[in-house]
Amino acid sequence: MAKVEEFAPQKLSDTDLKPRGRVQLSPVSWRDQFLYHLLPDRFSDDNESHRELFDRINPLRFQVKNKADWIAASTKFLGGTFRGIRSKLDYLQGLGVTTLWINSPWRQLDLETDNNHSIQNFLDIDPHLGTCQDLRDLIDAAHDRRMYVILDVISNHSGNDWFYRDEMIANLARVYQYWIALVDCDGFCIKTTERIPPQNARKFCTAIREYAQSIGKDNFLLTGKINSDNMADAYLDIFGCNLSAVLDIASAPDTLTSMAKGLADPCVFFDLYSESHLAGQCRQDGLYHVSILDDDISSANCKQRFAVHSDVPNLYEQVANVVGVQLTMPGIPAIYYGTEQAFDGNVDNLEDTQFATYKCSREAMFGGDFGAFQTAGCHFFNPDHPTYLRIAAIARLRNQHDKIGKALRRGHHILRETSFCNYPFSIPQQGELVAWSQILFDTEVLMVLNTHALENRGAEVTVDAAMHPPDSTMTYLYKSDWSDKQLRYPPDRQTVTVQHYHDRGRASVRIDLPPSCMAILV
């Protein structure tokens, strides 16, 4: 582990841009990564061994007695640390995560309230989270596992002990160059990019990228939040602001959620990837957008997680399904901490308090006073949770280095026509069996999702006729209704036969799935 200096520089001119220790090279392509966004104060304090695991069979066991105290705790520091995150790398790697996305760690002005919009010192770590050495040790430990780490950075606001001038953007670039040298991070998520003049954003990104390349990080990730319902404009902003990719937060998360729950026509979501328009072409490429789910940075007016209604049938499977869609579509998938445990944070839980919109999905994973599901004193690191197991099984396929993994990460997306009850083949409607393929050269990976939460669905699903000769078979790589053992060790003999329609030049496979079930075949 590299050693870093104990005390922060007192002024910007004192910052040393020489890398401390080794320099981790960038990934070849960020679309090969699976991002996990976490808040260091809310994730782990490395003391979970002293607390019991949340009992999802008896959820009232750890429920707080005084909800007002639980709500008040949502605005305060809860005790998570960098050392805590490091202690959970096994848990994260088991889920299939390849990149940690860590919220802003800089020293804050208010020592009582957790509010990363009030930066006091851009050259120091907030002491609640640990030290600079703790952060460097975390990143080194992640790199030892071939995982990457990106940090949130603030470029347009701070606590009220600063004021901004035009020259602050070159100065601020040096601040973050210093952090690259100090902790060896692999990318930045630049918050509130849309509030920065494009010329300033370009200067900042160029300065960061040039420094990163000078020390060997040739593909340093620079992504940012751009609030635009017209994603074509947002993609143009990528290049105008010199970003690597944009957080796809305007309407895509809600559209994805509605499709996966069977509440909307699937075409509304899949049209986002249509090559008939510029934004769809960019999404198809997979390099320029980060797919977001559950995250509290979403621009939606109503902040709530996917699992907001805990009484929904097959809820755990549904949560895994929506992440499964992210993992099997073009782009850089990113999930929010706690999604793999089906956290249900939403505004209603905080009863419309002043901080409800900001804090409702910032539950503690480790047993703090603001635990998920209105709990305190229990932790949620359960690798046997039904949602965790299913996300891990899908991510395992995506992360493979064979043709299957590459097709899922880099393949060309095609929405498939289906036929049921001898109706003509067509794009399915709301609540039906929806299917899509990822194709890379001679490999087709087929995904099928029953979007109906209550009823079985079956259909003939179109596949590539040239790749699948008559009477050939396709093999199930994943089914969300498999047992826990099968999810960990997939059976290799579950197949379906390809049927050819010689008069129509079409090939298909018959797929039947129970409610809220997802399948992957090759």
Protein backbone atom coordinates (compact mmCIF):
# COMPACT_ATOMS: atom_id res chain seq x y z
CA MET A 1 0.00 0.00 0.00
CA ALA A 2 1.28 3.46 -0.90
CA LYS A 3 1.90 5.90 1.94
CA VAL A 4 0.54 9.43 1.64
CA GLU A 5 1.31 12.53 3.66
CA GLU A 6 -0.43 12.87 7.00
CA PHE A 7 -1.39 16.55 6.77
CA ALA A 8 -3.28 18.33 4.02
CA PRO A 9 -1.59 21.19 2.13
CA GLN A 10 -2.37 24.60 3.56
CA LYS A 11 -2.56 26.27 0.15
CA LEU A 12 -2.92 25.24 -3.45
CA SER A 13 0.67 26.11 -4.35
CA ASP A 14 1.84 23.47 -1.84
CA THR A 15 0.15 20.60 -3.68
CA ASP A 16 2.53 17.98 -5.08
CA LEU A 17 1.35 16.42 -8.35
CA LYS A 18 3.84 13.57 -8.31
CA PRO A 19 1.96 10.24 -8.03
CA ARG A 20 2.30 8.49 -4.68
CA GLY A 21 3.30 4.90 -5.32
CA ARG A 22 1.95 2.89 -8.23
CA VAL A 23 -0.41 4.22 -10.87
CA GLN A 24 -3.33 2.01 -11.89
CA LEU A 25 -3.87 2.02 -15.66
CA SER A 26 -7.32 2.83 -17.01
CA PRO A 27 -9.73 0.17 -18.29
CA VAL A 28 -9.77 -0.27 -22.06
CA SER A 29 -13.45 0.64 -22.18
CA TRP A 30 -15.75 1.87 -19.42
CA ARG A 31 -18.67 0.00 -20.99
CA ASP A 32 -16.96 -3.16 -19.65
CA GLN A 33 -17.52 -1.92 -16.09
CA PHE A 34 -20.38 -2.37 -13.60
CA LEU A 35 -20.60 0.71 -11.32
CA TYR A 36 -21.86 0.73 -7.73
CA HIS A 37 -22.62 4.19 -6.32
CA LEU A 38 -22.29 4.44 -2.56
CA LEU A 39 -22.24 7.12 0.12
CA PRO A 40 -19.30 6.48 2.45
CA ASP A 41 -21.15 7.73 5.54
CA ARG A 42 -24.11 5.42 4.85
CA PHE A 43 -22.43 2.22 3.61
CA SER A 44 -20.28 0.53 6.28
CA ASP A 45 -18.46 1.31 9.52
CA ASP A 46 -16.71 -2.12 9.64
CA ASN A 47 -18.59 -3.06 12.82
CA GLU A 48 -21.33 -5.21 11.30
CA SER A 49 -19.99 -8.27 13.13
CA HIS A 50 -21.32 -6.69 16.33
CA ARG A 51 -24.83 -6.33 14.92
CA GLU A 52 -27.45 -8.74 13.68
CA LEU A 53 -28.47 -9.11 10.04
CA PHE A 54 -31.86 -7.62 9.16
CA ASP A 55 -34.57 -10.27 9.30
CA ARG A 56 -36.59 -9.86 6.11
CA ILE A 57 -38.98 -12.62 7.26
CA ASN A 58 -39.77 -10.61 10.40
CA PRO A 59 -39.16 -6.98 9.27
CA LEU A 60 -40.72 -5.45 12.41
CA ARG A 61 -38.06 -6.96 14.64
CA PHE A 62 -35.66 -4.02 14.27
CA GLN A 63 -38.16 -1.29 13.50
CA VAL A 64 -37.56 1.95 15.40
CA LYS A 65 -39.97 2.87 18.18
CA ASN A 66 -39.76 6.60 17.59
CA LYS A 67 -40.09 7.47 13.92
CA ALA A 68 -39.35 11.15 14.59
CA ASP A 69 -35.87 10.24 15.85
CA TRP A 70 -35.33 8.04 12.80
CA ILE A 71 -36.29 10.91 10.50
CA ALA A 72 -34.04 13.35 12.36
CA ALA A 73 -31.11 10.95 11.93
CA SER A 74 -31.45 11.14 8.14
CA THR A 75 -29.71 14.53 8.07
CA LYS A 76 -26.78 13.65 10.33
CA PHE A 77 -23.53 11.80 9.95
CA LEU A 78 -24.18 8.14 10.73
CA GLY A 79 -20.68 6.71 11.02
CA GLY A 80 -19.72 5.02 7.76
CA THR A 81 -16.03 5.13 6.82
CA PHE A 82 -13.53 4.32 4.08
CA ARG A 83 -12.28 1.43 6.19
CA GLY A 84 -15.84 0.16 6.26
CA ILE A 85 -16.03 0.21 2.47
CA ARG A 86 -12.72 -1.65 2.26
CA SER A 87 -14.08 -4.34 4.59
CA LYS A 88 -16.93 -4.98 2.14
CA LEU A 89 -14.93 -5.51 -1.05
CA ASP A 90 -15.68 -9.26 -0.92
CA TYR A 91 -19.39 -8.47 -0.72
CA LEU A 92 -19.18 -6.05 -3.66
CA GLN A 93 -17.04 -8.30 -5.81
CA GLY A 94 -19.42 -11.19 -5.11
CA LEU A 95 -22.23 -9.03 -6.49
CA GLY A 96 -20.24 -8.57 -9.70
CA VAL A 97 -19.30 -4.93 -9.14
CA THR A 98 -16.14 -3.85 -10.98
CA THR A 99 -16.06 -0.11 -10.15
CA LEU A 100 -16.88 1.76 -6.94
CA TRP A 101 -18.40 5.20 -7.37
CA ILE A 102 -17.90 7.06 -4.10
CA ASN A 103 -19.72 10.22 -3.11
CA SER A 104 -17.81 13.45 -2.43
CA PRO A 105 -15.37 12.86 0.49
CA TRP A 106 -14.07 16.42 1.03
CA ARG A 107 -14.07 18.16 4.40
CA GLN A 108 -17.42 19.81 5.05
CA LEU A 109 -18.23 23.09 6.73
CA ASP A 110 -20.91 21.81 9.12
CA LEU A 111 -19.52 19.10 11.38
CA GLU A 112 -22.96 17.87 12.46
CA THR A 113 -24.91 17.62 9.24
CA ASP A 114 -24.08 15.32 6.31
CA ASN A 115 -24.35 17.73 3.37
CA ASN A 116 -21.76 17.43 0.61
CA HIS A 117 -22.84 20.79 -0.83
CA SER A 118 -20.95 22.60 1.95
CA ILE A 119 -17.29 21.93 1.20
CA GLN A 120 -14.97 23.73 3.63
CA ASN A 121 -11.63 22.44 2.33
CA PHE A 122 -11.12 20.88 -1.09
CA LEU A 123 -7.63 19.74 -0.06
CA ASP A 124 -8.66 17.53 2.86
CA ILE A 125 -10.88 14.56 3.65
CA ASP A 126 -13.85 14.93 5.98
CA PRO A 127 -12.69 13.43 9.29
CA HIS A 128 -15.99 11.61 9.77
CA LEU A 129 -15.02 9.31 6.91
CA GLY A 130 -11.40 8.68 7.84
CA THR A 131 -8.09 10.00 6.55
CA CYS A 132 -6.40 10.47 3.20
CA GLN A 133 -4.44 7.32 3.96
CA ASP A 134 -7.68 5.41 4.54
CA LEU A 135 -8.97 6.50 1.15
CA ARG A 136 -5.70 5.59 -0.55
CA ASP A 137 -5.68 2.18 1.18
CA LEU A 138 -9.25 1.55 0.00
CA ILE A 139 -8.38 2.40 -3.59
CA ASP A 140 -5.18 0.32 -3.51
CA ALA A 141 -7.17 -2.63 -2.13
CA ALA A 142 -9.73 -2.24 -4.91
CA HIS A 143 -6.97 -2.11 -7.52
CA ASP A 144 -5.49 -5.31 -6.08
CA ARG A 145 -8.80 -6.94 -7.02
CA ARG A 146 -8.78 -5.37 -10.51
CA MET A 147 -11.58 -3.04 -9.46
CA TYR A 148 -11.64 0.70 -10.19
CA VAL A 149 -12.73 3.69 -8.11
CA ILE A 150 -14.28 6.96 -9.26
CA LEU A 151 -15.04 9.92 -7.02
CA ASP A 152 -17.75 12.57 -7.05
CA VAL A 153 -16.26 16.03 -7.47
CA ILE A 154 -17.79 19.43 -6.90
CA SER A 155 -16.90 22.13 -9.40
CA ASN A 156 -19.42 24.93 -8.99
CA HIS A 157 -20.29 25.36 -5.30
CA SER A 158 -18.94 24.99 -1.77
CA GLY A 159 -19.56 26.19 1.77
CA ASN A 160 -20.00 29.93 2.31
CA ASP A 161 -16.33 30.34 3.19
CA TRP A 162 -15.47 30.49 -0.54
CA PHE A 163 -16.38 32.79 -3.37
CA TYR A 164 -15.79 32.04 -7.05
CA ARG A 165 -13.96 34.03 -9.68
CA ASP A 166 -13.41 33.17 -13.32
CA GLU A 167 -9.89 31.86 -12.64
CA MET A 168 -11.18 29.41 -10.01
CA ILE A 169 -11.90 26.71 -12.71
CA ALA A 170 -8.08 26.31 -13.65
CA ASN A 171 -7.20 26.41 -9.86
CA LEU A 172 -9.94 23.85 -9.11
CA ALA A 173 -8.50 21.57 -11.79
CA ARG A 174 -5.21 21.55 -9.87
CA VAL A 175 -7.11 20.53 -6.73
CA TYR A 176 -8.40 17.41 -8.43
CA GLN A 177 -5.11 16.70 -10.21
CA TYR A 178 -3.66 16.60 -6.69
CA TRP A 179 -6.24 14.02 -5.61
CA ILE A 180 -5.42 11.81 -8.59
CA ALA A 181 -1.77 11.94 -7.59
CA LEU A 182 -2.57 11.33 -3.92
CA VAL A 183 -5.13 8.51 -4.00
CA ASP A 184 -4.81 7.10 -7.57
CA CYS A 185 -8.53 7.28 -8.39
CA ASP A 186 -9.67 6.25 -11.88
CA GLY A 187 -12.34 8.78 -12.78
CA PHE A 188 -14.56 11.64 -11.66
CA CYS A 189 -18.29 12.20 -11.69
CA ILE A 190 -18.65 15.98 -12.02
CA LYS A 191 -21.79 17.08 -10.24
CA THR A 192 -24.08 19.81 -11.63
CA THR A 193 -22.27 19.95 -14.97
CA GLU A 194 -25.26 21.68 -16.50
CA ARG A 195 -24.65 24.74 -14.30
CA ILE A 196 -21.11 25.27 -15.56
CA PRO A 197 -20.51 27.35 -18.71
CA PRO A 198 -19.34 24.94 -21.46
CA GLN A 199 -16.07 26.80 -21.97
CA ASN A 200 -15.22 26.41 -18.28
CA ALA A 201 -16.20 22.76 -18.29
CA ARG A 202 -13.94 22.15 -21.30
CA LYS A 203 -11.01 23.85 -19.57
CA PHE A 204 -11.55 21.79 -16.44
CA CYS A 205 -11.97 18.46 -18.27
CA THR A 206 -9.02 19.12 -20.56
CA ALA A 207 -6.77 19.91 -17.60
CA ILE A 208 -7.83 16.76 -15.76
CA ARG A 209 -7.56 14.52 -18.81
CA GLU A 210 -4.14 15.82 -19.81
CA TYR A 211 -2.74 15.30 -16.32
CA ALA A 212 -4.21 11.78 -16.09
CA GLN A 213 -2.74 10.85 -19.48
CA SER A 214 0.64 12.23 -18.47
CA ILE A 215 0.89 9.68 -15.64
CA GLY A 216 -0.49 6.72 -17.64
CA LYS A 217 -4.25 6.93 -17.04
CA ASP A 218 -5.17 7.17 -20.71
CA ASN A 219 -8.90 6.58 -20.27
CA PHE A 220 -9.69 8.52 -17.08
CA LEU A 221 -13.49 8.64 -16.80
CA LEU A 222 -15.13 12.08 -16.76
CA THR A 223 -18.89 11.82 -16.50
CA GLY A 224 -21.40 14.43 -15.45
CA LYS A 225 -25.01 15.23 -14.70
CA ILE A 226 -26.85 17.08 -17.46
CA ASN A 227 -30.55 17.68 -16.85
CA SER A 228 -32.13 17.48 -20.27
CA ASP A 229 -35.26 15.69 -21.44
CA ASN A 230 -33.84 15.92 -24.94
CA MET A 231 -30.97 13.46 -24.71
CA ALA A 232 -29.80 14.40 -28.20
CA ASP A 233 -28.94 17.82 -26.79
CA ALA A 234 -27.32 16.15 -23.80
CA TYR A 235 -25.07 14.08 -26.01
CA LEU A 236 -24.00 17.16 -27.89
CA ASP A 237 -23.23 18.66 -24.49
CA ILE A 238 -20.92 15.74 -23.79
CA PHE A 239 -18.63 16.85 -26.55
CA GLY A 240 -19.17 20.52 -25.90
CA CYS A 241 -18.14 20.08 -22.27
CA ASN A 242 -15.47 17.49 -23.14
CA LEU A 243 -16.95 14.77 -20.94
CA SER A 244 -16.47 11.04 -21.52
CA ALA A 245 -20.10 10.15 -20.87
CA VAL A 246 -23.30 11.58 -19.44
CA LEU A 247 -25.42 10.31 -16.55
CA ASP A 248 -28.66 9.24 -18.23
CA ILE A 249 -30.94 10.66 -15.53
CA ALA A 250 -33.55 12.84 -17.23
CA SER A 251 -36.31 10.42 -18.19
CA ALA A 252 -34.58 7.07 -18.76
CA PRO A 253 -34.74 5.81 -15.13
CA ASP A 254 -38.51 6.30 -14.90
CA THR A 255 -39.02 4.76 -18.34
CA LEU A 256 -36.87 1.76 -17.40
CA THR A 257 -38.77 1.33 -14.12
CA SER A 258 -42.19 1.47 -15.80
CA MET A 259 -41.18 -1.06 -18.45
CA ALA A 260 -39.70 -3.54 -15.97
CA LYS A 261 -42.83 -3.36 -13.78
CA GLY A 262 -45.14 -3.87 -16.74
CA LEU A 263 -46.69 -0.43 -16.31
CA ALA A 264 -45.81 0.98 -19.74
CA ASP A 265 -45.44 -0.02 -23.36
CA PRO A 266 -41.94 -1.57 -23.72
CA CYS A 267 -41.40 0.46 -26.90
CA VAL A 268 -41.22 3.66 -24.84
CA PHE A 269 -38.08 2.37 -23.14
CA PHE A 270 -36.50 0.52 -26.05
CA ASP A 271 -37.00 3.48 -28.37
CA LEU A 272 -34.30 5.20 -26.32
CA TYR A 273 -31.90 2.87 -28.17
CA SER A 274 -33.42 3.30 -31.62
CA GLU A 275 -30.91 4.20 -34.33
CA SER A 276 -33.53 6.39 -35.97
CA HIS A 277 -32.38 9.34 -33.84
CA LEU A 278 -29.06 10.71 -32.60
CA ALA A 279 -29.55 9.90 -28.93
CA GLY A 280 -30.46 6.31 -29.77
CA GLN A 281 -27.37 5.95 -31.93
CA CYS A 282 -25.20 7.19 -29.06
CA ARG A 283 -26.89 4.86 -26.57
CA GLN A 284 -26.42 1.94 -28.95
CA ASP A 285 -22.69 2.61 -29.02
CA GLY A 286 -22.64 2.13 -25.26
CA LEU A 287 -19.69 4.45 -24.63
CA TYR A 288 -21.43 7.72 -23.89
CA HIS A 289 -24.11 7.09 -21.29
CA VAL A 290 -24.23 5.79 -17.73
CA SER A 291 -27.47 3.95 -17.01
CA ILE A 292 -28.81 5.04 -13.61
CA LEU A 293 -31.18 3.28 -11.20
CA ASP A 294 -32.50 4.29 -7.73
CA ASP A 295 -29.88 7.04 -7.46
CA ASP A 296 -30.66 10.18 -5.48
CA ILE A 297 -29.09 12.32 -8.23
CA SER A 298 -31.99 11.62 -10.57
CA SER A 299 -33.76 14.70 -11.87
CA ALA A 300 -37.19 13.18 -11.25
CA ASN A 301 -39.48 15.29 -9.09
CA CYS A 302 -40.51 12.34 -6.92
CA LYS A 303 -37.54 10.63 -5.28
CA GLN A 304 -38.11 6.96 -4.61
CA ARG A 305 -36.39 3.66 -5.12
CA PHE A 306 -37.61 0.97 -7.52
CA ALA A 307 -38.80 -1.22 -4.60
CA VAL A 308 -40.89 1.57 -3.07
CA HIS A 309 -44.01 -0.63 -2.72
CA SER A 310 -42.94 -3.58 -0.60
CA ASP A 311 -46.24 -5.45 -1.01
CA VAL A 312 -45.75 -6.01 -4.75
CA PRO A 313 -45.77 -9.70 -5.77
CA ASN A 314 -42.32 -11.07 -6.68
CA LEU A 315 -40.72 -7.81 -5.55
CA TYR A 316 -37.21 -9.21 -5.09
CA GLU A 317 -37.29 -10.74 -8.56
CA GLN A 318 -38.58 -7.49 -10.06
CA VAL A 319 -35.68 -5.51 -8.56
CA ALA A 320 -33.21 -8.04 -9.97
CA ASN A 321 -34.97 -7.84 -13.33
CA VAL A 322 -34.58 -4.08 -13.68
CA VAL A 323 -30.87 -4.34 -12.87
CA GLY A 324 -30.71 -7.27 -15.30
CA VAL A 325 -32.00 -4.98 -18.04
CA GLN A 326 -29.22 -2.50 -17.26
CA LEU A 327 -26.61 -5.26 -17.37
CA THR A 328 -27.80 -6.62 -20.72
CA MET A 329 -28.23 -3.38 -22.68
CA PRO A 330 -25.60 -1.08 -24.23
CA GLY A 331 -24.07 1.46 -21.90
CA ILE A 332 -22.26 1.73 -18.58
CA PRO A 333 -24.58 0.25 -15.91
CA ALA A 334 -24.63 1.87 -12.47
CA ILE A 335 -26.72 0.85 -9.46
CA TYR A 336 -27.14 2.57 -6.11
CA TYR A 337 -26.10 0.96 -2.86
CA GLY A 338 -28.88 -1.04 -1.21
CA THR A 339 -30.68 -1.85 -4.45
CA GLU A 340 -29.30 -5.40 -4.22
CA GLN A 341 -31.10 -5.65 -0.84
CA ALA A 342 -34.34 -4.19 -2.26
CA PHE A 343 -34.20 -0.94 -0.24
CA ASP A 344 -37.46 0.99 -0.53
CA GLY A 345 -36.50 4.59 0.36
CA ASN A 346 -39.06 7.17 -0.71
CA VAL A 347 -40.31 10.64 0.17
CA ASP A 348 -43.39 9.33 1.99
CA ASN A 349 -41.18 7.61 4.56
CA LEU A 350 -39.93 11.02 5.73
CA GLU A 351 -43.40 12.57 5.84
CA ASP A 352 -42.57 15.55 3.63
CA THR A 353 -39.95 16.97 5.97
CA GLN A 354 -37.53 19.64 4.80
CA PHE A 355 -34.90 17.09 3.78
CA ALA A 356 -37.24 14.39 2.46
CA THR A 357 -36.37 14.73 -1.23
CA TYR A 358 -32.66 14.92 -0.50
CA LYS A 359 -32.34 12.15 2.11
CA CYS A 360 -35.11 9.63 1.49
CA SER A 361 -32.87 7.16 -0.37
CA ARG A 362 -29.79 7.57 1.82
CA GLU A 363 -30.47 4.75 4.25
CA ALA A 364 -27.66 3.21 6.29
CA MET A 365 -26.53 -0.26 5.18
CA PHE A 366 -24.54 -1.00 8.32
CA GLY A 367 -26.94 -0.46 11.21
CA GLY A 368 -26.97 3.28 11.82
CA ASP A 369 -29.84 5.23 13.31
CA PHE A 370 -31.34 5.81 9.85
CA GLY A 371 -31.48 2.19 8.68
CA ALA A 372 -33.52 0.98 5.74
CA PHE A 373 -37.17 0.01 6.30
CA GLN A 374 -37.38 2.34 9.33
CA THR A 375 -34.90 0.28 11.33
CA ALA A 376 -31.87 0.93 13.52
CA GLY A 377 -29.15 -1.35 14.85
CA CYS A 378 -29.19 -4.06 12.17
CA HIS A 379 -27.13 -4.42 9.01
CA PHE A 380 -28.10 -5.42 5.46
CA PHE A 381 -25.03 -7.15 3.98
CA ASN A 382 -26.82 -10.34 3.00
CA PRO A 383 -25.19 -12.22 0.08
CA ASP A 384 -28.04 -14.74 0.22
CA HIS A 385 -30.75 -12.14 -0.39
CA PRO A 386 -32.85 -13.18 -3.43
CA THR A 387 -32.15 -9.91 -5.25
CA TYR A 388 -28.39 -10.05 -4.56
CA LEU A 389 -28.18 -13.65 -5.83
CA ARG A 390 -29.94 -12.82 -9.10
CA ILE A 391 -27.97 -9.65 -9.83
CA ALA A 392 -24.76 -11.57 -9.11
CA ALA A 393 -25.75 -14.35 -11.51
CA ILE A 394 -26.44 -11.90 -14.35
CA ALA A 395 -23.32 -9.84 -13.64
CA ARG A 396 -21.25 -13.03 -13.68
CA LEU A 397 -22.35 -13.62 -17.27
CA ARG A 398 -21.69 -10.01 -18.25
CA ASN A 399 -18.22 -10.00 -16.72
CA GLN A 400 -17.04 -13.13 -18.52
CA HIS A 401 -14.13 -12.72 -20.91
CA ASP A 402 -15.66 -15.06 -23.51
CA LYS A 403 -17.94 -14.29 -26.46
CA ILE A 404 -21.00 -14.23 -24.22
CA GLY A 405 -19.61 -11.57 -21.91
CA LYS A 406 -18.35 -9.46 -24.79
CA ALA A 407 -21.69 -9.67 -26.57
CA LEU A 408 -23.49 -8.45 -23.44
CA ARG A 409 -21.04 -5.58 -22.92
CA ARG A 410 -20.31 -4.54 -26.48
CA GLY A 411 -22.90 -6.17 -28.70
CA HIS A 412 -25.50 -4.53 -30.92
CA HIS A 413 -28.94 -4.31 -29.32
CA ILE A 414 -32.03 -5.58 -31.19
CA LEU A 415 -35.59 -5.51 -29.81
CA ARG A 416 -37.23 -8.81 -30.80
CA GLU A 417 -40.67 -9.44 -32.22
CA THR A 418 -42.78 -12.12 -30.53
CA SER A 419 -45.90 -14.10 -31.33
CA PHE A 420 -48.43 -15.67 -28.97
CA CYS A 421 -51.73 -17.51 -29.60
CA ASN A 422 -50.80 -17.68 -33.33
CA TYR A 423 -51.01 -13.91 -33.73
CA PRO A 424 -48.57 -12.32 -36.22
CA PHE A 425 -45.09 -11.50 -34.94
CA SER A 426 -44.91 -7.98 -33.52
CA ILE A 427 -43.33 -5.90 -30.80
CA PRO A 428 -45.08 -6.90 -27.54
CA GLN A 429 -47.35 -4.61 -25.59
CA GLN A 430 -47.50 -3.63 -21.92
CA GLY A 431 -47.52 -6.57 -19.50
CA GLU A 432 -46.42 -9.14 -22.09
CA LEU A 433 -43.27 -11.14 -22.69
CA VAL A 434 -40.61 -8.73 -24.02
CA ALA A 435 -37.33 -9.89 -25.59
CA TRP A 436 -34.12 -8.37 -26.88
CA SER A 437 -30.78 -9.60 -28.18
CA GLN A 438 -27.19 -8.51 -27.88
CA ILE A 439 -25.29 -9.61 -30.99
CA LEU A 440 -21.54 -9.49 -31.51
CA PHE A 441 -20.35 -10.99 -34.81
CA ASP A 442 -21.37 -14.67 -34.58
CA THR A 443 -22.77 -14.67 -31.03
CA GLU A 444 -26.34 -13.87 -30.02
CA VAL A 445 -27.36 -13.60 -26.37
CA LEU A 446 -31.15 -13.51 -25.96
CA MET A 447 -32.92 -11.88 -22.99
CA VAL A 448 -36.61 -12.53 -22.27
CA LEU A 449 -38.62 -10.81 -19.53
CA ASN A 450 -42.17 -11.46 -18.35
CA THR A 451 -43.25 -7.96 -17.37
CA HIS A 452 -46.53 -9.19 -15.86
CA ALA A 453 -46.33 -9.51 -12.07
CA LEU A 454 -49.29 -11.87 -11.64
CA GLU A 455 -49.64 -14.11 -14.68
CA ASN A 456 -47.57 -16.57 -16.71
CA ARG A 457 -46.61 -15.50 -20.20
CA GLY A 458 -45.40 -17.50 -23.19
CA ALA A 459 -44.50 -16.64 -26.78
CA GLU A 460 -42.47 -17.53 -29.83
CA VAL A 461 -39.45 -15.21 -29.69
CA THR A 462 -37.56 -14.21 -32.83
CA VAL A 463 -33.86 -15.07 -33.02
CA ASP A 464 -31.23 -14.64 -35.72
CA ALA A 465 -32.01 -17.25 -38.41
CA ALA A 466 -28.48 -17.27 -39.84
CA MET A 467 -26.87 -17.99 -36.47
CA HIS A 468 -29.33 -20.72 -35.46
CA PRO A 469 -29.92 -23.50 -38.03
CA PRO A 470 -33.18 -25.48 -38.00
CA ASP A 471 -33.48 -27.85 -35.02
CA SER A 472 -30.46 -26.32 -33.30
CA THR A 473 -30.86 -25.45 -29.63
CA MET A 474 -30.35 -22.47 -27.37
CA THR A 475 -29.27 -23.00 -23.76
CA TYR A 476 -30.54 -21.21 -20.68
CA LEU A 477 -27.71 -19.34 -18.98
CA TYR A 478 -30.00 -17.80 -16.37
CA LYS A 479 -33.59 -18.00 -15.13
CA SER A 480 -34.71 -15.91 -12.21
CA ASP A 481 -36.97 -18.72 -10.94
CA TRP A 482 -34.02 -21.05 -10.49
CA SER A 483 -33.16 -22.24 -6.97
CA ASP A 484 -30.41 -20.53 -4.98
CA LYS A 485 -28.07 -23.42 -5.83
CA GLN A 486 -28.87 -23.17 -9.55
CA LEU A 487 -28.31 -19.40 -9.49
CA ARG A 488 -24.83 -20.01 -8.10
CA TYR A 489 -24.10 -23.07 -10.28
CA PRO A 490 -26.24 -22.86 -13.44
CA PRO A 491 -27.44 -26.15 -14.93
CA ASP A 492 -26.11 -26.84 -18.43
CA ARG A 493 -28.86 -28.97 -19.93
CA GLN A 494 -31.85 -26.67 -20.05
CA THR A 495 -32.38 -25.98 -23.76
CA VAL A 496 -35.03 -24.92 -26.26
CA THR A 497 -35.22 -25.89 -29.93
CA VAL A 498 -35.01 -23.32 -32.71
CA GLN A 499 -37.90 -23.43 -35.17
CA HIS A 500 -37.61 -22.05 -38.71
CA TYR A 501 -40.44 -20.57 -40.79
CA HIS A 502 -39.10 -21.16 -44.28
CA ASP A 503 -41.85 -19.18 -45.97
CA ARG A 504 -41.04 -16.12 -43.87
CA GLY A 505 -37.29 -16.37 -43.34
CA ARG A 506 -37.81 -16.23 -39.57
CA ALA A 507 -36.46 -18.33 -36.72
CA SER A 508 -37.84 -18.44 -33.17
CA VAL A 509 -37.72 -20.23 -29.85
CA ARG A 510 -40.66 -20.95 -27.58
CA ILE A 511 -40.25 -19.30 -24.16
CA ASP A 512 -42.66 -19.70 -21.23
CA LEU A 513 -42.02 -17.78 -18.03
CA PRO A 514 -43.82 -17.36 -14.69
CA PRO A 515 -44.73 -13.88 -13.40
CA SER A 516 -41.87 -11.36 -13.14
CA CYS A 517 -39.33 -13.85 -14.47
CA MET A 518 -36.28 -13.06 -16.60
CA ALA A 519 -34.29 -15.53 -18.70
CA ILE A 520 -31.02 -15.33 -20.65
CA LEU A 521 -30.13 -17.81 -23.41
CA VAL A 522 -27.33 -18.38 -25.89
